Amino acid sequence: MLKKFTKSLIFFIILLSFHSSYAHGPSRQKVSESIEINGTLEEVWKIVSNFKSFNWNKNIKNIKAQGSNVGSERILNFKSGESVKQKLEKIDKNKYMISWRIIETDNKVLPVNSYSAKVFVKSDDNKTIVQYKSGFYRGFMGNDPPSELNDENSKKKVQAFISENLKGLKEIIEKD
């Protein structure tokens, strides 16, 4: 009886170790960037909170949006031909925070799944700090993703997108 139990236990341990080593999927990735802007909190918030407009990124050709209320959707059309569809999830005027998620994306421009973003606007003396946080999974959810859809490339593309957005926002505010 003990011999049978030992064999069963060994079989179970082998089965468990085999299963767990091949069942691992992608890990949630995060990108967070901040920028200091010479402008008032209200100036910056007015632009950031306008979901219908997203002219911060010079790579975006045009935007089609329903509105700036929670549940509104917008489509960002890039100059390169790709598009990303986003949905406004939350806007908190007291905390100066807005969040959205991607509901459709072209993997050439943003190779992600389950992407969500939050932008916080905070006053710091005579300057405004904008923090842009995102969380997402890589573009390919299975094991052994192609290089263009792996964690590294997905994170690199998101980081470039966020950086471009923040630089564009700074340029808009500081040009006046």
N, C-alpha and C. Protein backbone atom coordinates (compact mmCIF):
# COMPACT_ATOMS: atom_id res chain seq x y z
N MET A 1 0.83 -1.19 0.00
CA MET A 1 0.00 0.00 0.00
C MET A 1 0.87 1.25 0.00
N LEU A 2 1.91 1.26 0.81
CA LEU A 2 2.81 2.40 0.89
C LEU A 2 3.54 2.59 -0.44
N LYS A 3 3.90 1.51 -1.08
CA LYS A 3 4.59 1.57 -2.36
C LYS A 3 3.69 2.20 -3.43
N LYS A 4 2.42 1.81 -3.43
CA LYS A 4 1.46 2.35 -4.39
C LYS A 4 1.26 3.86 -4.12
N PHE A 5 1.16 4.23 -2.87
CA PHE A 5 0.99 5.63 -2.50
C PHE A 5 2.21 6.46 -2.93
N THR A 6 3.41 5.92 -2.72
CA THR A 6 4.64 6.61 -3.09
C THR A 6 4.70 6.83 -4.59
N LYS A 7 4.35 5.80 -5.36
CA LYS A 7 4.35 5.93 -6.82
C LYS A 7 3.34 6.99 -7.26
N SER A 8 2.18 6.98 -6.65
CA SER A 8 1.15 7.97 -6.99
C SER A 8 1.62 9.39 -6.65
N LEU A 9 2.26 9.52 -5.50
CA LEU A 9 2.76 10.82 -5.08
C LEU A 9 3.84 11.33 -6.04
N ILE A 10 4.76 10.46 -6.42
CA ILE A 10 5.82 10.84 -7.36
C ILE A 10 5.21 11.22 -8.71
N PHE A 11 4.26 10.45 -9.18
CA PHE A 11 3.59 10.75 -10.44
C PHE A 11 2.90 12.12 -10.36
N PHE A 12 2.22 12.38 -9.26
CA PHE A 12 1.52 13.64 -9.07
C PHE A 12 2.50 14.83 -9.05
N ILE A 13 3.62 14.68 -8.37
CA ILE A 13 4.63 15.75 -8.30
C ILE A 13 5.21 16.01 -9.68
N ILE A 14 5.51 14.96 -10.42
CA ILE A 14 6.04 15.13 -11.77
C ILE A 14 5.01 15.82 -12.66
N LEU A 15 3.79 15.39 -12.57
CA LEU A 15 2.71 15.99 -13.35
C LEU A 15 2.53 17.45 -13.00
N LEU A 16 2.56 17.77 -11.74
CA LEU A 16 2.39 19.14 -11.28
C LEU A 16 3.54 20.02 -11.75
N SER A 17 4.77 19.54 -11.65
CA SER A 17 5.92 20.35 -12.07
C SER A 17 5.93 20.53 -13.58
N PHE A 18 5.53 19.52 -14.31
CA PHE A 18 5.48 19.62 -15.78
C PHE A 18 4.42 20.65 -16.18
N HIS A 19 3.28 20.58 -15.57
CA HIS A 19 2.17 21.47 -15.90
C HIS A 19 2.51 22.92 -15.58
N SER A 20 3.06 23.19 -14.42
CA SER A 20 3.33 24.57 -14.03
C SER A 20 4.43 25.20 -14.86
N SER A 21 5.39 24.42 -15.33
CA SER A 21 6.47 25.00 -16.11
C SER A 21 6.02 25.36 -17.51
N TYR A 22 5.00 24.74 -18.03
CA TYR A 22 4.53 25.04 -19.37
C TYR A 22 3.26 25.89 -19.38
N ALA A 23 2.68 26.15 -18.25
CA ALA A 23 1.43 26.89 -18.21
C ALA A 23 1.63 28.37 -17.95
N HIS A 24 2.84 28.81 -17.75
CA HIS A 24 3.08 30.21 -17.43
C HIS A 24 2.81 31.09 -18.64
N GLY A 25 1.94 32.06 -18.47
CA GLY A 25 1.63 33.01 -19.53
C GLY A 25 2.36 34.30 -19.30
N PRO A 26 1.95 35.35 -19.97
CA PRO A 26 2.63 36.63 -19.84
C PRO A 26 2.41 37.29 -18.48
N SER A 27 3.33 38.14 -18.11
CA SER A 27 3.23 38.91 -16.87
C SER A 27 2.74 40.31 -17.20
N ARG A 28 2.03 40.90 -16.28
CA ARG A 28 1.54 42.26 -16.47
C ARG A 28 2.75 43.21 -16.47
N GLN A 29 2.81 44.06 -17.46
CA GLN A 29 3.88 45.04 -17.60
C GLN A 29 3.37 46.40 -17.13
N LYS A 30 4.28 47.24 -16.69
CA LYS A 30 3.91 48.59 -16.26
C LYS A 30 4.91 49.58 -16.80
N VAL A 31 4.39 50.74 -17.17
CA VAL A 31 5.23 51.86 -17.59
C VAL A 31 4.69 53.09 -16.88
N SER A 32 5.58 53.85 -16.27
CA SER A 32 5.20 55.07 -15.59
C SER A 32 6.22 56.16 -15.93
N GLU A 33 5.74 57.29 -16.40
CA GLU A 33 6.61 58.40 -16.74
C GLU A 33 6.00 59.69 -16.21
N SER A 34 6.84 60.63 -15.86
CA SER A 34 6.40 61.94 -15.39
C SER A 34 7.12 63.03 -16.15
N ILE A 35 6.49 64.20 -16.16
CA ILE A 35 7.12 65.36 -16.79
C ILE A 35 6.72 66.60 -16.00
N GLU A 36 7.64 67.54 -15.94
CA GLU A 36 7.39 68.82 -15.28
C GLU A 36 7.07 69.84 -16.36
N ILE A 37 5.97 70.56 -16.15
CA ILE A 37 5.51 71.52 -17.15
C ILE A 37 5.41 72.90 -16.52
N ASN A 38 5.91 73.91 -17.23
CA ASN A 38 5.79 75.30 -16.79
C ASN A 38 4.42 75.80 -17.19
N GLY A 39 3.45 75.56 -16.34
CA GLY A 39 2.08 75.97 -16.58
C GLY A 39 1.27 75.69 -15.34
N THR A 40 0.10 76.27 -15.28
CA THR A 40 -0.73 76.07 -14.10
C THR A 40 -1.43 74.72 -14.14
N LEU A 41 -1.81 74.27 -12.99
CA LEU A 41 -2.56 73.03 -12.86
C LEU A 41 -3.82 73.08 -13.72
N GLU A 42 -4.52 74.19 -13.69
CA GLU A 42 -5.77 74.34 -14.44
C GLU A 42 -5.54 74.28 -15.96
N GLU A 43 -4.47 74.91 -16.44
CA GLU A 43 -4.15 74.88 -17.87
C GLU A 43 -3.90 73.45 -18.34
N VAL A 44 -3.10 72.76 -17.57
CA VAL A 44 -2.75 71.38 -17.93
C VAL A 44 -3.97 70.48 -17.83
N TRP A 45 -4.73 70.60 -16.75
CA TRP A 45 -5.90 69.75 -16.54
C TRP A 45 -6.93 69.95 -17.64
N LYS A 46 -7.10 71.18 -18.11
CA LYS A 46 -8.07 71.47 -19.17
C LYS A 46 -7.77 70.63 -20.41
N ILE A 47 -6.51 70.49 -20.75
CA ILE A 47 -6.12 69.70 -21.93
C ILE A 47 -6.20 68.20 -21.63
N VAL A 48 -5.65 67.78 -20.49
CA VAL A 48 -5.61 66.36 -20.15
C VAL A 48 -7.02 65.78 -20.00
N SER A 49 -7.93 66.54 -19.42
CA SER A 49 -9.27 66.02 -19.14
C SER A 49 -10.21 66.05 -20.34
N ASN A 50 -9.79 66.66 -21.44
CA ASN A 50 -10.63 66.72 -22.64
C ASN A 50 -10.41 65.44 -23.45
N PHE A 51 -11.23 64.44 -23.19
CA PHE A 51 -11.08 63.14 -23.84
C PHE A 51 -11.31 63.22 -25.35
N LYS A 52 -12.08 64.19 -25.81
CA LYS A 52 -12.37 64.34 -27.23
C LYS A 52 -11.15 64.81 -28.02
N SER A 53 -10.21 65.40 -27.34
CA SER A 53 -9.02 65.92 -28.00
C SER A 53 -7.80 65.20 -27.45
N PHE A 54 -6.95 64.77 -28.34
CA PHE A 54 -5.71 64.12 -27.93
C PHE A 54 -4.61 64.56 -28.89
N ASN A 55 -4.41 65.88 -28.94
CA ASN A 55 -3.44 66.43 -29.87
C ASN A 55 -2.05 66.52 -29.27
N TRP A 56 -1.83 65.80 -28.21
CA TRP A 56 -0.52 65.83 -27.55
C TRP A 56 0.54 65.09 -28.34
N ASN A 57 0.14 64.12 -29.14
CA ASN A 57 1.10 63.24 -29.81
C ASN A 57 1.17 63.62 -31.29
N LYS A 58 2.35 64.04 -31.75
CA LYS A 58 2.52 64.49 -33.13
C LYS A 58 2.32 63.36 -34.15
N ASN A 59 2.34 62.10 -33.71
CA ASN A 59 2.15 60.97 -34.61
C ASN A 59 0.69 60.66 -34.88
N ILE A 60 -0.21 61.36 -34.19
CA ILE A 60 -1.64 61.12 -34.38
C ILE A 60 -2.17 62.08 -35.44
N LYS A 61 -2.80 61.51 -36.45
CA LYS A 61 -3.33 62.29 -37.58
C LYS A 61 -4.63 62.98 -37.18
N ASN A 62 -5.56 62.21 -36.60
CA ASN A 62 -6.83 62.78 -36.16
C ASN A 62 -7.47 61.89 -35.11
N ILE A 63 -8.48 62.45 -34.47
CA ILE A 63 -9.19 61.77 -33.39
C ILE A 63 -10.68 61.82 -33.69
N LYS A 64 -11.33 60.69 -33.51
CA LYS A 64 -12.80 60.65 -33.60
C LYS A 64 -13.28 60.26 -32.21
N ALA A 65 -14.10 61.14 -31.61
CA ALA A 65 -14.53 60.88 -30.23
C ALA A 65 -16.01 61.22 -30.05
N GLN A 66 -16.63 60.49 -29.12
CA GLN A 66 -18.04 60.70 -28.79
C GLN A 66 -18.22 61.85 -27.80
N GLY A 67 -17.33 61.98 -26.85
CA GLY A 67 -17.47 62.98 -25.81
C GLY A 67 -16.37 62.87 -24.79
N SER A 68 -16.57 63.55 -23.67
CA SER A 68 -15.59 63.51 -22.58
C SER A 68 -16.21 63.03 -21.28
N ASN A 69 -17.27 62.22 -21.40
CA ASN A 69 -17.92 61.64 -20.23
C ASN A 69 -17.48 60.19 -20.07
N VAL A 70 -17.55 59.68 -18.84
CA VAL A 70 -17.22 58.28 -18.59
C VAL A 70 -18.05 57.40 -19.52
N GLY A 71 -17.39 56.46 -20.16
CA GLY A 71 -18.05 55.57 -21.12
C GLY A 71 -17.84 56.02 -22.56
N SER A 72 -17.39 57.25 -22.76
CA SER A 72 -17.13 57.75 -24.12
C SER A 72 -15.97 56.97 -24.74
N GLU A 73 -16.02 56.86 -26.05
CA GLU A 73 -14.96 56.18 -26.78
C GLU A 73 -14.33 57.14 -27.77
N ARG A 74 -13.04 56.91 -28.05
CA ARG A 74 -12.35 57.69 -29.07
C ARG A 74 -11.47 56.76 -29.89
N ILE A 75 -11.26 57.16 -31.12
CA ILE A 75 -10.35 56.43 -32.00
C ILE A 75 -9.21 57.36 -32.36
N LEU A 76 -7.99 56.93 -32.05
CA LEU A 76 -6.80 57.67 -32.41
C LEU A 76 -6.29 57.10 -33.73
N ASN A 77 -6.29 57.91 -34.77
CA ASN A 77 -5.78 57.49 -36.08
C ASN A 77 -4.37 58.06 -36.25
N PHE A 78 -3.41 57.17 -36.41
CA PHE A 78 -2.01 57.56 -36.52
C PHE A 78 -1.66 57.90 -37.96
N LYS A 79 -0.67 58.74 -38.15
CA LYS A 79 -0.21 59.14 -39.48
C LYS A 79 0.27 57.93 -40.28
N SER A 80 0.75 56.91 -39.58
CA SER A 80 1.25 55.70 -40.24
C SER A 80 0.13 54.76 -40.69
N GLY A 81 -1.12 55.10 -40.38
CA GLY A 81 -2.27 54.31 -40.84
C GLY A 81 -2.92 53.44 -39.78
N GLU A 82 -2.27 53.22 -38.66
CA GLU A 82 -2.84 52.39 -37.60
C GLU A 82 -3.83 53.19 -36.77
N SER A 83 -4.63 52.46 -36.01
CA SER A 83 -5.58 53.14 -35.11
C SER A 83 -5.68 52.38 -33.79
N VAL A 84 -6.10 53.14 -32.77
CA VAL A 84 -6.29 52.60 -31.44
C VAL A 84 -7.63 53.14 -30.94
N LYS A 85 -8.46 52.26 -30.42
CA LYS A 85 -9.76 52.66 -29.87
C LYS A 85 -9.68 52.59 -28.35
N GLN A 86 -10.07 53.69 -27.69
CA GLN A 86 -9.99 53.78 -26.23
C GLN A 86 -11.36 54.12 -25.66
N LYS A 87 -11.52 53.76 -24.39
CA LYS A 87 -12.77 54.06 -23.67
C LYS A 87 -12.43 54.75 -22.36
N LEU A 88 -13.11 55.87 -22.10
CA LEU A 88 -12.90 56.63 -20.87
C LEU A 88 -13.52 55.86 -19.71
N GLU A 89 -12.69 55.53 -18.73
CA GLU A 89 -13.13 54.74 -17.58
C GLU A 89 -13.49 55.60 -16.37
N LYS A 90 -12.68 56.63 -16.12
CA LYS A 90 -12.90 57.44 -14.92
C LYS A 90 -12.30 58.82 -15.12
N ILE A 91 -12.97 59.80 -14.56
CA ILE A 91 -12.43 61.15 -14.53
C ILE A 91 -12.78 61.74 -13.17
N ASP A 92 -11.75 62.14 -12.45
CA ASP A 92 -11.94 62.67 -11.09
C ASP A 92 -11.39 64.09 -11.06
N LYS A 93 -12.31 65.05 -11.11
CA LYS A 93 -11.93 66.47 -11.16
C LYS A 93 -11.31 66.93 -9.85
N ASN A 94 -11.64 66.29 -8.74
CA ASN A 94 -11.07 66.67 -7.44
C ASN A 94 -9.63 66.19 -7.29
N LYS A 95 -9.34 65.02 -7.85
CA LYS A 95 -7.99 64.45 -7.75
C LYS A 95 -7.15 64.74 -8.99
N TYR A 96 -7.74 65.40 -9.98
CA TYR A 96 -7.07 65.68 -11.25
C TYR A 96 -6.50 64.38 -11.84
N MET A 97 -7.39 63.42 -12.04
CA MET A 97 -7.01 62.11 -12.55
C MET A 97 -8.01 61.69 -13.62
N ILE A 98 -7.49 61.13 -14.70
CA ILE A 98 -8.30 60.58 -15.77
C ILE A 98 -7.74 59.21 -16.12
N SER A 99 -8.63 58.26 -16.42
CA SER A 99 -8.15 56.94 -16.82
C SER A 99 -8.98 56.41 -17.99
N TRP A 100 -8.32 55.63 -18.82
CA TRP A 100 -8.97 54.99 -19.95
C TRP A 100 -8.33 53.64 -20.21
N ARG A 101 -8.97 52.88 -21.07
CA ARG A 101 -8.40 51.59 -21.46
C ARG A 101 -8.51 51.44 -22.97
N ILE A 102 -7.67 50.62 -23.51
CA ILE A 102 -7.73 50.33 -24.95
C ILE A 102 -8.71 49.19 -25.15
N ILE A 103 -9.63 49.38 -26.08
CA ILE A 103 -10.57 48.30 -26.39
C ILE A 103 -10.27 47.65 -27.74
N GLU A 104 -9.51 48.35 -28.59
CA GLU A 104 -9.04 47.78 -29.85
C GLU A 104 -7.71 48.46 -30.19
N THR A 105 -6.76 47.67 -30.69
CA THR A 105 -5.48 48.26 -31.07
C THR A 105 -4.89 47.55 -32.27
N ASP A 106 -4.14 48.28 -33.03
CA ASP A 106 -3.34 47.71 -34.10
C ASP A 106 -1.99 47.39 -33.47
N ASN A 107 -1.60 46.14 -33.51
CA ASN A 107 -0.37 45.71 -32.83
C ASN A 107 0.90 46.35 -33.39
N LYS A 108 0.83 46.95 -34.58
CA LYS A 108 2.01 47.60 -35.13
C LYS A 108 2.35 48.87 -34.34
N VAL A 109 1.33 49.54 -33.82
CA VAL A 109 1.58 50.78 -33.10
C VAL A 109 1.63 50.56 -31.59
N LEU A 110 0.72 49.76 -31.04
CA LEU A 110 0.73 49.42 -29.61
C LEU A 110 0.40 47.94 -29.46
N PRO A 111 1.43 47.09 -29.39
CA PRO A 111 1.23 45.64 -29.28
C PRO A 111 0.91 45.23 -27.84
N VAL A 112 -0.35 45.45 -27.44
CA VAL A 112 -0.75 45.24 -26.05
C VAL A 112 -2.10 44.53 -25.96
N ASN A 113 -2.35 43.99 -24.79
CA ASN A 113 -3.65 43.44 -24.41
C ASN A 113 -3.98 43.99 -23.03
N SER A 114 -5.24 44.20 -22.77
CA SER A 114 -5.71 44.67 -21.46
C SER A 114 -4.96 45.91 -20.99
N TYR A 115 -4.79 46.86 -21.88
CA TYR A 115 -4.07 48.10 -21.58
C TYR A 115 -4.98 49.07 -20.85
N SER A 116 -4.49 49.62 -19.77
CA SER A 116 -5.20 50.70 -19.08
C SER A 116 -4.19 51.78 -18.72
N ALA A 117 -4.67 53.02 -18.69
CA ALA A 117 -3.78 54.15 -18.39
C ALA A 117 -4.46 55.09 -17.41
N LYS A 118 -3.64 55.73 -16.59
CA LYS A 118 -4.09 56.77 -15.67
C LYS A 118 -3.14 57.94 -15.81
N VAL A 119 -3.71 59.14 -15.85
CA VAL A 119 -2.90 60.34 -15.89
C VAL A 119 -3.28 61.20 -14.70
N PHE A 120 -2.27 61.58 -13.93
CA PHE A 120 -2.45 62.42 -12.74
C PHE A 120 -1.79 63.76 -13.00
N VAL A 121 -2.46 64.84 -12.61
CA VAL A 121 -1.92 66.18 -12.74
C VAL A 121 -1.82 66.76 -11.34
N LYS A 122 -0.60 67.22 -10.98
CA LYS A 122 -0.36 67.74 -9.63
C LYS A 122 0.42 69.04 -9.70
N SER A 123 0.12 69.92 -8.77
CA SER A 123 0.82 71.19 -8.68
C SER A 123 2.04 71.04 -7.79
N ASP A 124 3.16 71.65 -8.21
CA ASP A 124 4.38 71.63 -7.42
C ASP A 124 5.01 73.01 -7.54
N ASP A 125 4.78 73.86 -6.53
CA ASP A 125 5.21 75.26 -6.56
C ASP A 125 4.60 75.96 -7.79
N ASN A 126 5.42 76.49 -8.67
CA ASN A 126 4.92 77.19 -9.85
C ASN A 126 4.89 76.30 -11.08
N LYS A 127 5.08 75.03 -10.88
CA LYS A 127 5.10 74.08 -12.00
C LYS A 127 4.01 73.03 -11.81
N THR A 128 3.76 72.30 -12.86
CA THR A 128 2.78 71.22 -12.80
C THR A 128 3.48 69.92 -13.18
N ILE A 129 3.21 68.89 -12.41
CA ILE A 129 3.77 67.56 -12.68
C ILE A 129 2.65 66.70 -13.26
N VAL A 130 2.94 66.06 -14.38
CA VAL A 130 1.99 65.13 -15.00
C VAL A 130 2.62 63.75 -14.93
N GLN A 131 1.89 62.83 -14.32
CA GLN A 131 2.35 61.44 -14.23
C GLN A 131 1.41 60.57 -15.04
N TYR A 132 1.98 59.78 -15.93
CA TYR A 132 1.23 58.92 -16.85
C TYR A 132 1.62 57.49 -16.52
N LYS A 133 0.66 56.71 -16.03
CA LYS A 133 0.91 55.31 -15.66
C LYS A 133 0.09 54.40 -16.55
N SER A 134 0.69 53.29 -16.95
CA SER A 134 -0.05 52.31 -17.73
C SER A 134 0.29 50.90 -17.27
N GLY A 135 -0.65 50.01 -17.45
CA GLY A 135 -0.47 48.59 -17.17
C GLY A 135 -1.06 47.82 -18.33
N PHE A 136 -0.42 46.71 -18.71
CA PHE A 136 -0.84 45.98 -19.90
C PHE A 136 -0.16 44.62 -19.95
N TYR A 137 -0.64 43.79 -20.84
CA TYR A 137 0.01 42.53 -21.19
C TYR A 137 0.56 42.68 -22.60
N ARG A 138 1.56 41.89 -22.91
CA ARG A 138 2.17 41.96 -24.24
C ARG A 138 1.15 41.66 -25.34
N GLY A 139 1.55 41.92 -26.56
CA GLY A 139 0.66 41.75 -27.71
C GLY A 139 0.28 40.32 -28.02
N PHE A 140 1.08 39.35 -27.60
CA PHE A 140 0.79 37.94 -27.83
C PHE A 140 0.62 37.28 -26.47
N MET A 141 -0.56 36.75 -26.20
CA MET A 141 -0.87 36.24 -24.87
C MET A 141 -0.39 34.81 -24.61
N GLY A 142 -0.02 34.09 -25.65
CA GLY A 142 0.44 32.72 -25.46
C GLY A 142 1.92 32.66 -25.11
N ASN A 143 2.42 31.45 -24.96
CA ASN A 143 3.85 31.24 -24.73
C ASN A 143 4.60 31.43 -26.04
N ASP A 144 5.88 31.75 -25.95
CA ASP A 144 6.77 31.92 -27.10
C ASP A 144 6.23 32.93 -28.12
N PRO A 145 6.07 34.18 -27.71
CA PRO A 145 5.56 35.19 -28.64
C PRO A 145 6.58 35.56 -29.70
N PRO A 146 6.12 35.99 -30.88
CA PRO A 146 7.07 36.51 -31.86
C PRO A 146 7.71 37.79 -31.29
N SER A 147 8.90 38.12 -31.74
CA SER A 147 9.65 39.24 -31.14
C SER A 147 8.88 40.56 -31.16
N GLU A 148 8.08 40.81 -32.19
CA GLU A 148 7.36 42.08 -32.26
C GLU A 148 6.20 42.16 -31.26
N LEU A 149 5.83 41.03 -30.65
CA LEU A 149 4.71 40.99 -29.70
C LEU A 149 5.13 40.52 -28.31
N ASN A 150 6.43 40.48 -28.04
CA ASN A 150 6.91 40.01 -26.74
C ASN A 150 6.88 41.12 -25.69
N ASP A 151 7.20 40.79 -24.45
CA ASP A 151 7.17 41.77 -23.35
C ASP A 151 8.07 42.97 -23.65
N GLU A 152 9.29 42.69 -24.07
CA GLU A 152 10.26 43.76 -24.29
C GLU A 152 9.79 44.75 -25.35
N ASN A 153 9.32 44.25 -26.48
CA ASN A 153 8.89 45.15 -27.55
C ASN A 153 7.60 45.88 -27.19
N SER A 154 6.68 45.18 -26.53
CA SER A 154 5.43 45.83 -26.11
C SER A 154 5.73 46.97 -25.15
N LYS A 155 6.61 46.72 -24.20
CA LYS A 155 6.96 47.75 -23.22
C LYS A 155 7.68 48.92 -23.89
N LYS A 156 8.55 48.61 -24.83
CA LYS A 156 9.29 49.64 -25.56
C LYS A 156 8.32 50.55 -26.34
N LYS A 157 7.35 49.97 -27.01
CA LYS A 157 6.37 50.74 -27.79
C LYS A 157 5.49 51.59 -26.89
N VAL A 158 5.06 51.04 -25.76
CA VAL A 158 4.23 51.80 -24.82
C VAL A 158 5.04 52.95 -24.24
N GLN A 159 6.28 52.69 -23.88
CA GLN A 159 7.13 53.74 -23.30
C GLN A 159 7.34 54.88 -24.31
N ALA A 160 7.56 54.55 -25.56
CA ALA A 160 7.74 55.57 -26.60
C ALA A 160 6.45 56.37 -26.78
N PHE A 161 5.31 55.69 -26.77
CA PHE A 161 4.01 56.35 -26.92
C PHE A 161 3.76 57.33 -25.78
N ILE A 162 3.99 56.89 -24.56
CA ILE A 162 3.77 57.73 -23.38
C ILE A 162 4.73 58.92 -23.39
N SER A 163 5.98 58.67 -23.70
CA SER A 163 6.97 59.73 -23.74
C SER A 163 6.59 60.78 -24.77
N GLU A 164 6.16 60.35 -25.93
CA GLU A 164 5.73 61.26 -26.99
C GLU A 164 4.53 62.08 -26.55
N ASN A 165 3.60 61.45 -25.85
CA ASN A 165 2.41 62.15 -25.34
C ASN A 165 2.81 63.25 -24.36
N LEU A 166 3.67 62.92 -23.41
CA LEU A 166 4.07 63.90 -22.39
C LEU A 166 4.87 65.05 -22.99
N LYS A 167 5.78 64.74 -23.91
CA LYS A 167 6.55 65.80 -24.57
C LYS A 167 5.62 66.73 -25.34
N GLY A 168 4.66 66.16 -26.03
CA GLY A 168 3.70 66.96 -26.79
C GLY A 168 2.85 67.84 -25.89
N LEU A 169 2.43 67.32 -24.76
CA LEU A 169 1.64 68.09 -23.80
C LEU A 169 2.46 69.27 -23.29
N LYS A 170 3.71 69.02 -22.97
CA LYS A 170 4.60 70.07 -22.48
C LYS A 170 4.76 71.16 -23.55
N GLU A 171 4.95 70.78 -24.79
CA GLU A 171 5.10 71.74 -25.88
C GLU A 171 3.85 72.61 -26.04
N ILE A 172 2.70 72.00 -25.97
CA ILE A 172 1.43 72.74 -26.11
C ILE A 172 1.29 73.80 -25.01
N ILE A 173 1.56 73.42 -23.78
CA ILE A 173 1.39 74.33 -22.65
C ILE A 173 2.45 75.43 -22.65
N GLU A 174 3.69 75.05 -22.93
CA GLU A 174 4.78 76.02 -22.80
C GLU A 174 4.97 76.92 -24.01
N LYS A 175 4.27 76.66 -25.11
CA LYS A 175 4.44 77.51 -26.29
C LYS A 175 3.77 78.87 -26.14
N ASP A 176 2.80 78.95 -25.25
CA ASP A 176 2.07 80.22 -25.07
C ASP A 176 2.83 81.24 -24.30
